[in-house]
């Protein structure tokens, strides 16, 4: 029987997250992994009817199947993680939705859902991050290590369309043209993905429209904001001398983007700084979460149409000052 996960509710901005714990069985070993429940629609048995994809160059696609009148790609999570799965019992399939795309992942099984805080989820050290860029963080749950997976990377590997790209001039975007700016916009960007941070900085600074200061998570972003707020107070200057806009991912170890946004909007010296959420979790079902913490804008990865949005926000703020 299909299991729904949509009844899991959390108050937004509390720095909490629901983690679905799953596992992959290998010879003599069971590895535990976690995904954000907000990305999971259903958990189902392996479909009886599935077909081989016409192009499986990546080697991680187990097949295609029909689910609720949609053709869904089934990714073998073990193959993507370069693991040799052994079938100890019938496998499960996670039906997920993020980046506005429905995708399925084949796993050995699932255990339970844990409610934790992002503070308990630790980022990987530099060595481990280089070994496995499929993992974004680790947490100890019930005396075992659970690795949080970057499922977005899996579908981006299959489809280059999910790579970060700036909108073309024909699409009315800003990626290929010079924005009408008196001076570059100063952006504080928080994201736990090395690839995302690098690509965002590259795209935004391409035509000298933006100056990007990158940090790895919400905690680091908050520390930076606290420092420049104090510096602005001591100098008797406006915070905009240091930052014009905050661009943040939602899912990050330590402090998530919702909690970061809430803290900024509740801080007297920072509340006027625009905050834009940039995440794979931006969709019609979840956009209310960003609205509830006062986000000024929300964009789904990999859409960099937020360039013109940031320009308009900053110019509007400057005129009102």
C-alpha atoms as a PDB file:
ATOM      1  CA  UNK A   1       0.000   0.000   0.000  1.00  0.00           C
ATOM      2  CA  UNK A   2       1.255   3.440  -0.862  1.00  0.00           C
ATOM      3  CA  UNK A   3       2.263   5.546   2.085  1.00  0.00           C
ATOM      4  CA  UNK A   4       1.654   9.289   2.002  1.00  0.00           C
ATOM      5  CA  UNK A   5       3.910  11.762   3.745  1.00  0.00           C
ATOM      6  CA  UNK A   6       1.985  14.977   3.145  1.00  0.00           C
ATOM      7  CA  UNK A   7       0.447  14.952   6.639  1.00  0.00           C
ATOM      8  CA  UNK A   8       3.773  15.869   8.233  1.00  0.00           C
ATOM      9  CA  UNK A   9       3.540  19.495   9.304  1.00  0.00           C
ATOM     10  CA  UNK A  10       6.106  21.774  10.883  1.00  0.00           C
ATOM     11  CA  UNK A  11       5.926  25.374  11.963  1.00  0.00           C
ATOM     12  CA  UNK A  12       8.115  27.332   9.575  1.00  0.00           C
ATOM     13  CA  UNK A  13      11.210  29.113  10.823  1.00  0.00           C
ATOM     14  CA  UNK A  14      11.891  26.936  13.883  1.00  0.00           C
ATOM     15  CA  UNK A  15      15.009  25.393  12.289  1.00  0.00           C
ATOM     16  CA  UNK A  16      13.349  21.963  12.434  1.00  0.00           C
ATOM     17  CA  UNK A  17      13.114  19.421   9.649  1.00  0.00           C
ATOM     18  CA  UNK A  18      11.506  16.023   9.142  1.00  0.00           C
ATOM     19  CA  UNK A  19      14.044  13.479   7.868  1.00  0.00           C
ATOM     20  CA  UNK A  20      12.922  10.231   6.235  1.00  0.00           C
ATOM     21  CA  UNK A  21      15.487   7.574   7.119  1.00  0.00           C
ATOM     22  CA  UNK A  22      16.112   4.969   4.421  1.00  0.00           C
ATOM     23  CA  UNK A  23      18.703   2.271   3.935  1.00  0.00           C
ATOM     24  CA  UNK A  24      20.652   0.402   1.281  1.00  0.00           C
ATOM     25  CA  UNK A  25      21.708  -3.171   1.983  1.00  0.00           C
ATOM     26  CA  UNK A  26      25.147  -4.266   0.848  1.00  0.00           C
ATOM     27  CA  UNK A  27      26.972  -7.522   1.467  1.00  0.00           C
ATOM     28  CA  UNK A  28      27.400  -7.609   5.244  1.00  0.00           C
ATOM     29  CA  UNK A  29      26.532  -3.932   5.682  1.00  0.00           C
ATOM     30  CA  UNK A  30      23.504  -1.645   5.829  1.00  0.00           C
ATOM     31  CA  UNK A  31      24.058   2.020   5.021  1.00  0.00           C
ATOM     32  CA  UNK A  32      21.620   4.603   6.343  1.00  0.00           C
ATOM     33  CA  UNK A  33      20.665   7.774   4.481  1.00  0.00           C
ATOM     34  CA  UNK A  34      18.180  10.571   4.919  1.00  0.00           C
ATOM     35  CA  UNK A  35      16.056  12.854   2.742  1.00  0.00           C
ATOM     36  CA  UNK A  36      13.840  15.793   3.615  1.00  0.00           C
ATOM     37  CA  UNK A  37      10.238  14.609   3.990  1.00  0.00           C
ATOM     38  CA  UNK A  38       9.114  17.752   2.157  1.00  0.00           C
ATOM     39  CA  UNK A  39      10.527  16.204  -1.022  1.00  0.00           C
ATOM     40  CA  UNK A  40       8.737  12.859  -0.659  1.00  0.00           C
ATOM     41  CA  UNK A  41       5.224  12.392  -2.014  1.00  0.00           C
ATOM     42  CA  UNK A  42       4.758   8.649  -1.519  1.00  0.00           C
ATOM     43  CA  UNK A  43       6.539   5.417  -0.672  1.00  0.00           C
ATOM     44  CA  UNK A  44       5.427   2.493  -2.860  1.00  0.00           C
ATOM     45  CA  UNK A  45       6.523  -1.046  -3.738  1.00  0.00           C
ATOM     46  CA  UNK A  46       8.586  -1.512  -6.878  1.00  0.00           C
ATOM     47  CA  UNK A  47       6.171  -1.164  -9.836  1.00  0.00           C
ATOM     48  CA  UNK A  48       5.431  -4.438 -11.579  1.00  0.00           C
ATOM     49  CA  UNK A  49       5.355  -2.773 -14.971  1.00  0.00           C
ATOM     50  CA  UNK A  50       8.357  -0.701 -15.941  1.00  0.00           C
ATOM     51  CA  UNK A  51      10.280  -0.290 -19.158  1.00  0.00           C
ATOM     52  CA  UNK A  52      13.919   0.322 -19.904  1.00  0.00           C
ATOM     53  CA  UNK A  53      14.688   3.921 -20.852  1.00  0.00           C
ATOM     54  CA  UNK A  54      15.718   4.607 -24.454  1.00  0.00           C
ATOM     55  CA  UNK A  55      18.962   6.185 -23.239  1.00  0.00           C
ATOM     56  CA  UNK A  56      20.562   4.978 -20.006  1.00  0.00           C
ATOM     57  CA  UNK A  57      24.085   6.278 -20.558  1.00  0.00           C
ATOM     58  CA  UNK A  58      24.443   7.277 -16.941  1.00  0.00           C
ATOM     59  CA  UNK A  59      23.777   3.729 -15.785  1.00  0.00           C
ATOM     60  CA  UNK A  60      21.726   4.783 -12.763  1.00  0.00           C
ATOM     61  CA  UNK A  61      18.236   4.603 -14.302  1.00  0.00           C
ATOM     62  CA  UNK A  62      16.429   1.404 -13.394  1.00  0.00           C
ATOM     63  CA  UNK A  63      13.483   2.084 -15.697  1.00  0.00           C
ATOM     64  CA  UNK A  64      10.418   4.176 -16.450  1.00  0.00           C
ATOM     65  CA  UNK A  65       6.931   3.549 -15.095  1.00  0.00           C
ATOM     66  CA  UNK A  66       3.500   5.117 -15.068  1.00  0.00           C
ATOM     67  CA  UNK A  67       2.453   6.682 -11.787  1.00  0.00           C
ATOM     68  CA  UNK A  68      -0.810   8.586 -11.522  1.00  0.00           C
ATOM     69  CA  UNK A  69      -0.796   9.198 -15.278  1.00  0.00           C
ATOM     70  CA  UNK A  70       2.767  10.492 -15.289  1.00  0.00           C
ATOM     71  CA  UNK A  71       5.805   8.777 -16.743  1.00  0.00           C
ATOM     72  CA  UNK A  72       8.340   8.722 -13.914  1.00  0.00           C
ATOM     73  CA  UNK A  73      12.066   7.991 -14.074  1.00  0.00           C
ATOM     74  CA  UNK A  74      13.253   5.427 -11.519  1.00  0.00           C
ATOM     75  CA  UNK A  75      16.804   6.075 -10.301  1.00  0.00           C
ATOM     76  CA  UNK A  76      18.627   3.250  -8.524  1.00  0.00           C
ATOM     77  CA  UNK A  77      20.041   5.053  -5.497  1.00  0.00           C
ATOM     78  CA  UNK A  78      22.623   2.340  -4.849  1.00  0.00           C
ATOM     79  CA  UNK A  79      24.038   2.638  -8.356  1.00  0.00           C
ATOM     80  CA  UNK A  80      24.184   6.424  -8.068  1.00  0.00           C
ATOM     81  CA  UNK A  81      26.095   6.097  -4.793  1.00  0.00           C
ATOM     82  CA  UNK A  82      28.368   3.467  -6.375  1.00  0.00           C
ATOM     83  CA  UNK A  83      27.142   0.804  -3.962  1.00  0.00           C
ATOM     84  CA  UNK A  84      26.464  -2.890  -4.671  1.00  0.00           C
ATOM     85  CA  UNK A  85      22.978  -3.434  -3.352  1.00  0.00           C
ATOM     86  CA  UNK A  86      21.869  -6.921  -2.308  1.00  0.00           C
ATOM     87  CA  UNK A  87      18.172  -7.722  -2.021  1.00  0.00           C
ATOM     88  CA  UNK A  88      17.437  -8.963   1.463  1.00  0.00           C
ATOM     89  CA  UNK A  89      13.733  -8.121   1.095  1.00  0.00           C
ATOM     90  CA  UNK A  90      11.449  -6.455  -1.468  1.00  0.00           C
ATOM     91  CA  UNK A  91      12.685  -2.939  -2.207  1.00  0.00           C
ATOM     92  CA  UNK A  92      10.790   0.326  -1.851  1.00  0.00           C
ATOM     93  CA  UNK A  93      10.432   3.267  -4.209  1.00  0.00           C
ATOM     94  CA  UNK A  94      10.359   6.890  -3.039  1.00  0.00           C
ATOM     95  CA  UNK A  95       8.228   9.160  -5.218  1.00  0.00           C
ATOM     96  CA  UNK A  96       9.706  12.639  -4.851  1.00  0.00           C
ATOM     97  CA  UNK A  97       8.961  16.125  -6.121  1.00  0.00           C
ATOM     98  CA  UNK A  98      11.525  18.939  -6.151  1.00  0.00           C
ATOM     99  CA  UNK A  99      12.776  21.357  -8.784  1.00  0.00           C
ATOM    100  CA  UNK A 100       9.143  21.042  -9.935  1.00  0.00           C
ATOM    101  CA  UNK A 101       9.910  17.539 -11.246  1.00  0.00           C
ATOM    102  CA  UNK A 102       8.555  14.163 -10.098  1.00  0.00           C
ATOM    103  CA  UNK A 103      11.291  11.530  -9.790  1.00  0.00           C
ATOM    104  CA  UNK A 104      11.459   8.073  -8.175  1.00  0.00           C
ATOM    105  CA  UNK A 105      14.334   6.508  -6.238  1.00  0.00           C
ATOM    106  CA  UNK A 106      14.851   2.796  -5.659  1.00  0.00           C
ATOM    107  CA  UNK A 107      16.033   1.936  -2.118  1.00  0.00           C
ATOM    108  CA  UNK A 108      16.354  -1.241  -0.055  1.00  0.00           C
ATOM    109  CA  UNK A 109      13.832   0.061   2.447  1.00  0.00           C
ATOM    110  CA  UNK A 110      12.771   2.828   4.825  1.00  0.00           C
ATOM    111  CA  UNK A 111      12.756   2.863   8.607  1.00  0.00           C
ATOM    112  CA  UNK A 112      11.020   5.900  10.062  1.00  0.00           C
ATOM    113  CA  UNK A 113      10.679   9.682  10.079  1.00  0.00           C
ATOM    114  CA  UNK A 114      12.740  11.726  12.549  1.00  0.00           C
ATOM    115  CA  UNK A 115      12.000  15.289  13.609  1.00  0.00           C
ATOM    116  CA  UNK A 116      15.331  17.001  14.203  1.00  0.00           C
ATOM    117  CA  UNK A 117      16.835  20.468  14.109  1.00  0.00           C
ATOM    118  CA  UNK A 118      19.263  21.592  11.448  1.00  0.00           C
ATOM    119  CA  UNK A 119      21.598  22.408  14.338  1.00  0.00           C
ATOM    120  CA  UNK A 120      21.990  18.653  14.889  1.00  0.00           C
ATOM    121  CA  UNK A 121      22.935  18.062  11.262  1.00  0.00           C
ATOM    122  CA  UNK A 122      26.642  18.543  10.752  1.00  0.00           C
ATOM    123  CA  UNK A 123      28.287  19.580   7.497  1.00  0.00           C
ATOM    124  CA  UNK A 124      30.906  17.248   6.115  1.00  0.00           C
ATOM    125  CA  UNK A 125      34.525  18.118   6.608  1.00  0.00           C
ATOM    126  CA  UNK A 126      36.595  18.988   3.547  1.00  0.00           C
ATOM    127  CA  UNK A 127      37.933  15.457   3.077  1.00  0.00           C
ATOM    128  CA  UNK A 128      34.565  13.728   3.191  1.00  0.00           C
ATOM    129  CA  UNK A 129      32.991  16.384   0.960  1.00  0.00           C
ATOM    130  CA  UNK A 130      35.555  15.590  -1.738  1.00  0.00           C
ATOM    131  CA  UNK A 131      34.980  11.863  -1.352  1.00  0.00           C
ATOM    132  CA  UNK A 132      31.203  12.039  -1.775  1.00  0.00           C
ATOM    133  CA  UNK A 133      29.545  15.156  -3.120  1.00  0.00           C
ATOM    134  CA  UNK A 134      26.260  13.211  -3.069  1.00  0.00           C
ATOM    135  CA  UNK A 135      26.054  13.862   0.681  1.00  0.00           C
ATOM    136  CA  UNK A 136      25.264  17.273   2.174  1.00  0.00           C
ATOM    137  CA  UNK A 137      25.434  16.490   5.883  1.00  0.00           C
ATOM    138  CA  UNK A 138      25.461  13.814   8.570  1.00  0.00           C
ATOM    139  CA  UNK A 139      23.478  13.258  11.760  1.00  0.00           C
ATOM    140  CA  UNK A 140      23.581  10.621  14.481  1.00  0.00           C
ATOM    141  CA  UNK A 141      20.180   9.006  14.964  1.00  0.00           C
ATOM    142  CA  UNK A 142      19.573   6.119  17.347  1.00  0.00           C
ATOM    143  CA  UNK A 143      23.309   5.329  17.591  1.00  0.00           C
ATOM    144  CA  UNK A 144      23.890   5.231  13.853  1.00  0.00           C
ATOM    145  CA  UNK A 145      25.196   7.736  11.349  1.00  0.00           C
ATOM    146  CA  UNK A 146      22.675   8.876   8.744  1.00  0.00           C
ATOM    147  CA  UNK A 147      23.956  10.699   5.671  1.00  0.00           C
ATOM    148  CA  UNK A 148      21.715  13.341   4.093  1.00  0.00           C
ATOM    149  CA  UNK A 149      21.562  12.965   0.329  1.00  0.00           C
ATOM    150  CA  UNK A 150      21.721  15.622  -2.375  1.00  0.00           C
ATOM    151  CA  UNK A 151      19.008  14.172  -4.607  1.00  0.00           C
ATOM    152  CA  UNK A 152      19.078  17.286  -6.792  1.00  0.00           C
ATOM    153  CA  UNK A 153      22.553  16.297  -7.944  1.00  0.00           C
ATOM    154  CA  UNK A 154      21.254  12.937  -9.157  1.00  0.00           C
ATOM    155  CA  UNK A 155      18.636  14.400 -11.461  1.00  0.00           C
ATOM    156  CA  UNK A 156      20.997  17.171 -12.592  1.00  0.00           C
ATOM    157  CA  UNK A 157      23.432  14.495 -13.730  1.00  0.00           C
ATOM    158  CA  UNK A 158      20.688  12.918 -15.821  1.00  0.00           C
ATOM    159  CA  UNK A 159      19.338  16.156 -17.266  1.00  0.00           C
ATOM    160  CA  UNK A 160      21.640  19.129 -17.975  1.00  0.00           C
ATOM    161  CA  UNK A 161      18.546  21.348 -18.075  1.00  0.00           C
ATOM    162  CA  UNK A 162      18.669  21.339 -14.273  1.00  0.00           C
ATOM    163  CA  UNK A 163      22.103  22.932 -14.235  1.00  0.00           C
ATOM    164  CA  UNK A 164      22.225  26.568 -13.156  1.00  0.00           C
ATOM    165  CA  UNK A 165      21.712  28.874 -16.077  1.00  0.00           C
ATOM    166  CA  UNK A 166      20.969  32.542 -16.488  1.00  0.00           C
ATOM    167  CA  UNK A 167      17.968  33.500 -18.638  1.00  0.00           C
ATOM    168  CA  UNK A 168      18.768  34.514 -22.185  1.00  0.00           C
ATOM    169  CA  UNK A 169      18.168  38.012 -23.547  1.00  0.00           C
ATOM    170  CA  UNK A 170      15.360  36.621 -25.710  1.00  0.00           C
ATOM    171  CA  UNK A 171      13.661  35.366 -22.540  1.00  0.00           C
ATOM    172  CA  UNK A 172      13.923  38.816 -21.007  1.00  0.00           C
ATOM    173  CA  UNK A 173      16.624  37.711 -18.631  1.00  0.00           C
ATOM    174  CA  UNK A 174      19.731  39.370 -17.317  1.00  0.00           C
ATOM    175  CA  UNK A 175      22.347  36.693 -17.834  1.00  0.00           C
ATOM    176  CA  UNK A 176      23.538  37.891 -21.245  1.00  0.00           C
ATOM    177  CA  UNK A 177      23.058  41.650 -20.873  1.00  0.00           C
ATOM    178  CA  UNK A 178      24.302  44.447 -18.645  1.00  0.00           C
ATOM    179  CA  UNK A 179      21.839  45.518 -15.979  1.00  0.00           C
ATOM    180  CA  UNK A 180      21.122  49.210 -15.599  1.00  0.00           C
ATOM    181  CA  UNK A 181      23.003  49.718 -12.343  1.00  0.00           C
ATOM    182  CA  UNK A 182      24.903  52.668 -10.898  1.00  0.00           C
ATOM    183  CA  UNK A 183      27.072  50.245  -8.935  1.00  0.00           C
ATOM    184  CA  UNK A 184      27.173  46.473  -8.341  1.00  0.00           C
ATOM    185  CA  UNK A 185      24.662  44.952  -5.954  1.00  0.00           C
ATOM    186  CA  UNK A 186      26.267  43.360  -2.886  1.00  0.00           C
ATOM    187  CA  UNK A 187      24.855  39.855  -2.336  1.00  0.00           C
ATOM    188  CA  UNK A 188      25.334  37.567   0.650  1.00  0.00           C
ATOM    189  CA  UNK A 189      24.772  34.036  -0.688  1.00  0.00           C
ATOM    190  CA  UNK A 190      24.297  31.022   1.621  1.00  0.00           C
ATOM    191  CA  UNK A 191      24.309  27.475   0.230  1.00  0.00           C
ATOM    192  CA  UNK A 192      25.875  24.255   1.493  1.00  0.00           C
ATOM    193  CA  UNK A 193      26.685  23.019  -2.029  1.00  0.00           C
ATOM    194  CA  UNK A 194      30.147  23.893  -3.347  1.00  0.00           C
ATOM    195  CA  UNK A 195      28.891  23.547  -6.907  1.00  0.00           C
ATOM    196  CA  UNK A 196      25.912  25.867  -6.372  1.00  0.00           C
ATOM    197  CA  UNK A 197      28.000  28.497  -4.581  1.00  0.00           C
ATOM    198  CA  UNK A 198      30.616  28.473  -7.329  1.00  0.00           C
ATOM    199  CA  UNK A 199      28.097  28.636 -10.175  1.00  0.00           C
ATOM    200  CA  UNK A 200      25.943  31.337  -8.575  1.00  0.00           C
ATOM    201  CA  UNK A 201      28.989  33.518  -7.927  1.00  0.00           C
ATOM    202  CA  UNK A 202      30.219  32.924 -11.477  1.00  0.00           C
ATOM    203  CA  UNK A 203      26.871  33.781 -13.077  1.00  0.00           C
ATOM    204  CA  UNK A 204      26.046  36.780 -10.924  1.00  0.00           C
ATOM    205  CA  UNK A 205      29.492  38.380 -11.189  1.00  0.00           C
ATOM    206  CA  UNK A 206      29.779  37.651 -14.919  1.00  0.00           C
ATOM    207  CA  UNK A 207      29.025  41.221 -16.073  1.00  0.00           C
ATOM    208  CA  UNK A 208      30.019  43.052 -12.889  1.00  0.00           C
ATOM    209  CA  UNK A 209      26.366  43.437 -11.963  1.00  0.00           C
ATOM    210  CA  UNK A 210      26.835  41.842  -8.543  1.00  0.00           C
ATOM    211  CA  UNK A 211      29.495  41.331  -5.892  1.00  0.00           C
ATOM    212  CA  UNK A 212      28.883  38.017  -4.127  1.00  0.00           C
ATOM    213  CA  UNK A 213      30.060  37.026  -0.657  1.00  0.00           C
ATOM    214  CA  UNK A 214      29.504  33.258  -0.316  1.00  0.00           C
ATOM    215  CA  UNK A 215      29.002  31.274   2.894  1.00  0.00           C
ATOM    216  CA  UNK A 216      28.253  27.609   3.485  1.00  0.00           C
ATOM    217  CA  UNK A 217      25.140  27.722   5.681  1.00  0.00           C
ATOM    218  CA  UNK A 218      22.685  29.869   7.604  1.00  0.00           C
ATOM    219  CA  UNK A 219      24.799  29.962  10.766  1.00  0.00           C
ATOM    220  CA  UNK A 220      27.761  31.388   8.878  1.00  0.00           C
ATOM    221  CA  UNK A 221      25.488  33.890   7.135  1.00  0.00           C
ATOM    222  CA  UNK A 222      24.023  35.039  10.472  1.00  0.00           C
ATOM    223  CA  UNK A 223      27.477  35.491  12.004  1.00  0.00           C
ATOM    224  CA  UNK A 224      28.534  37.581   9.007  1.00  0.00           C
ATOM    225  CA  UNK A 225      25.392  39.723   9.244  1.00  0.00           C
ATOM    226  CA  UNK A 226      25.891  40.240  12.983  1.00  0.00           C
ATOM    227  CA  UNK A 227      29.462  41.398  12.354  1.00  0.00           C
ATOM    228  CA  UNK A 228      28.574  43.899   9.649  1.00  0.00           C
ATOM    229  CA  UNK A 229      25.570  45.126  11.635  1.00  0.00           C
ATOM    230  CA  UNK A 230      27.891  45.937  14.539  1.00  0.00           C
ATOM    231  CA  UNK A 231      30.381  47.533  12.167  1.00  0.00           C
ATOM    232  CA  UNK A 232      27.658  49.693  10.637  1.00  0.00           C
ATOM    233  CA  UNK A 233      26.500  50.740  14.118  1.00  0.00           C
ATOM    234  CA  UNK A 234      30.003  51.742  15.165  1.00  0.00           C
ATOM    235  CA  UNK A 235      30.571  53.683  11.934  1.00  0.00           C
ATOM    236  CA  UNK A 236      27.138  55.301  11.989  1.00  0.00           C
ATOM    237  CA  UNK A 237      26.561  53.937   8.484  1.00  0.00           C
ATOM    238  CA  UNK A 238      23.736  52.054   6.817  1.00  0.00           C
ATOM    239  CA  UNK A 239      23.841  48.280   6.555  1.00  0.00           C
ATOM    240  CA  UNK A 240      23.588  48.621   2.751  1.00  0.00           C
ATOM    241  CA  UNK A 241      27.216  49.716   2.695  1.00  0.00           C
ATOM    242  CA  UNK A 242      27.996  46.055   3.346  1.00  0.00           C
ATOM    243  CA  UNK A 243      25.084  44.054   1.905  1.00  0.00           C
ATOM    244  CA  UNK A 244      22.140  44.874  -0.362  1.00  0.00           C
ATOM    245  CA  UNK A 245      20.368  41.504  -0.471  1.00  0.00           C
ATOM    246  CA  UNK A 246      20.571  38.033   1.080  1.00  0.00           C
ATOM    247  CA  UNK A 247      20.184  35.039  -1.230  1.00  0.00           C
ATOM    248  CA  UNK A 248      19.785  31.759   0.628  1.00  0.00           C
ATOM    249  CA  UNK A 249      19.158  28.075   0.121  1.00  0.00           C
ATOM    250  CA  UNK A 250      16.562  26.476   2.403  1.00  0.00           C
ATOM    251  CA  UNK A 251      18.122  23.118   3.341  1.00  0.00           C
ATOM    252  CA  UNK A 252      21.439  23.685   5.123  1.00  0.00           C
ATOM    253  CA  UNK A 253      23.149  22.040   8.120  1.00  0.00           C
ATOM    254  CA  UNK A 254      23.306  24.224  11.226  1.00  0.00           C
ATOM    255  CA  UNK A 255      20.623  26.736  10.244  1.00  0.00           C
ATOM    256  CA  UNK A 256      18.174  26.494   7.380  1.00  0.00           C
ATOM    257  CA  UNK A 257      17.088  29.324   5.106  1.00  0.00           C
ATOM    258  CA  UNK A 258      13.654  29.719   6.707  1.00  0.00           C
ATOM    259  CA  UNK A 259      15.161  30.252  10.154  1.00  0.00           C
ATOM    260  CA  UNK A 260      17.803  32.611   8.752  1.00  0.00           C
ATOM    261  CA  UNK A 261      15.115  34.655   6.996  1.00  0.00           C
ATOM    262  CA  UNK A 262      12.994  34.817  10.156  1.00  0.00           C
ATOM    263  CA  UNK A 263      15.947  35.996  12.257  1.00  0.00           C
ATOM    264  CA  UNK A 264      16.800  38.708   9.724  1.00  0.00           C
ATOM    265  CA  UNK A 265      13.238  39.991   9.557  1.00  0.00           C
ATOM    266  CA  UNK A 266      12.958  40.060  13.361  1.00  0.00           C
ATOM    267  CA  UNK A 267      16.210  41.989  13.797  1.00  0.00           C
ATOM    268  CA  UNK A 268      15.740  45.757  14.042  1.00  0.00           C
ATOM    269  CA  UNK A 269      18.938  46.607  12.189  1.00  0.00           C
ATOM    270  CA  UNK A 270      18.533  44.002   9.426  1.00  0.00           C
ATOM    271  CA  UNK A 271      14.785  43.776   8.856  1.00  0.00           C
ATOM    272  CA  UNK A 272      14.869  45.996   5.761  1.00  0.00           C
ATOM    273  CA  UNK A 273      17.471  43.838   4.002  1.00  0.00           C
ATOM    274  CA  UNK A 274      15.674  41.863   1.243  1.00  0.00           C
ATOM    275  CA  UNK A 275      15.867  38.079   1.596  1.00  0.00           C
ATOM    276  CA  UNK A 276      15.378  35.782  -1.401  1.00  0.00           C
ATOM    277  CA  UNK A 277      14.972  32.022  -1.028  1.00  0.00           C
ATOM    278  CA  UNK A 278      16.680  30.016  -3.789  1.00  0.00           C
ATOM    279  CA  UNK A 279      15.899  26.330  -3.423  1.00  0.00           C
ATOM    280  CA  UNK A 280      14.643  23.152  -5.054  1.00  0.00           C
ATOM    281  CA  UNK A 281      11.772  23.239  -2.529  1.00  0.00           C
ATOM    282  CA  UNK A 282      10.099  26.300  -4.058  1.00  0.00           C
ATOM    283  CA  UNK A 283       6.763  25.209  -5.517  1.00  0.00           C
ATOM    284  CA  UNK A 284       3.070  25.999  -5.228  1.00  0.00           C
ATOM    285  CA  UNK A 285       2.641  23.588  -2.298  1.00  0.00           C
ATOM    286  CA  UNK A 286       5.470  25.029  -0.192  1.00  0.00           C
ATOM    287  CA  UNK A 287       5.677  28.692  -1.197  1.00  0.00           C
ATOM    288  CA  UNK A 288       3.533  29.660   1.807  1.00  0.00           C
ATOM    289  CA  UNK A 289       6.388  28.627   4.093  1.00  0.00           C
ATOM    290  CA  UNK A 290       8.660  31.331   2.703  1.00  0.00           C
ATOM    291  CA  UNK A 291       5.866  33.862   2.865  1.00  0.00           C
ATOM    292  CA  UNK A 292       5.270  33.080   6.543  1.00  0.00           C
ATOM    293  CA  UNK A 293       8.853  34.046   7.474  1.00  0.00           C
ATOM    294  CA  UNK A 294       8.783  37.252   5.441  1.00  0.00           C
ATOM    295  CA  UNK A 295      10.824  36.256   2.376  1.00  0.00           C
ATOM    296  CA  UNK A 296      10.871  39.030  -0.234  1.00  0.00           C
ATOM    297  CA  UNK A 297      11.143  36.576  -3.109  1.00  0.00           C
ATOM    298  CA  UNK A 298      11.312  32.843  -3.834  1.00  0.00           C
ATOM    299  CA  UNK A 299      12.938  31.189  -6.834  1.00  0.00           C
ATOM    300  CA  UNK A 300      13.247  27.508  -7.671  1.00  0.00           C
ATOM    301  CA  UNK A 301      16.672  26.229  -8.619  1.00  0.00           C
ATOM    302  CA  UNK A 302      18.118  26.466 -11.215  1.00  0.00           C
ATOM    303  CA  UNK A 303      16.245  29.629 -12.306  1.00  0.00           C
ATOM    304  CA  UNK A 304      18.551  32.650 -12.200  1.00  0.00           C
ATOM    305  CA  UNK A 305      15.798  34.999 -13.314  1.00  0.00           C
ATOM    306  CA  UNK A 306      16.201  36.324  -9.786  1.00  0.00           C
ATOM    307  CA  UNK A 307      18.893  38.665 -11.154  1.00  0.00           C
ATOM    308  CA  UNK A 308      16.426  41.242 -12.407  1.00  0.00           C
ATOM    309  CA  UNK A 309      14.253  40.647  -9.337  1.00  0.00           C
ATOM    310  CA  UNK A 310      17.164  41.520  -7.052  1.00  0.00           C
ATOM    311  CA  UNK A 311      17.937  44.609  -9.093  1.00  0.00           C
ATOM    312  CA  UNK A 312      14.336  45.834  -8.873  1.00  0.00           C
ATOM    313  CA  UNK A 313      14.166  45.111  -5.128  1.00  0.00           C
ATOM    314  CA  UNK A 314      17.341  47.017  -4.376  1.00  0.00           C
ATOM    315  CA  UNK A 315      16.457  49.978  -6.596  1.00  0.00           C
ATOM    316  CA  UNK A 316      12.997  50.190  -5.011  1.00  0.00           C
ATOM    317  CA  UNK A 317      14.587  50.190  -1.556  1.00  0.00           C
ATOM    318  CA  UNK A 318      17.076  52.872  -2.558  1.00  0.00           C
ATOM    319  CA  UNK A 319      14.312  55.140  -3.855  1.00  0.00           C
ATOM    320  CA  UNK A 320      12.320  54.700  -0.648  1.00  0.00           C
ATOM    321  CA  UNK A 321      15.328  55.588   1.525  1.00  0.00           C
END
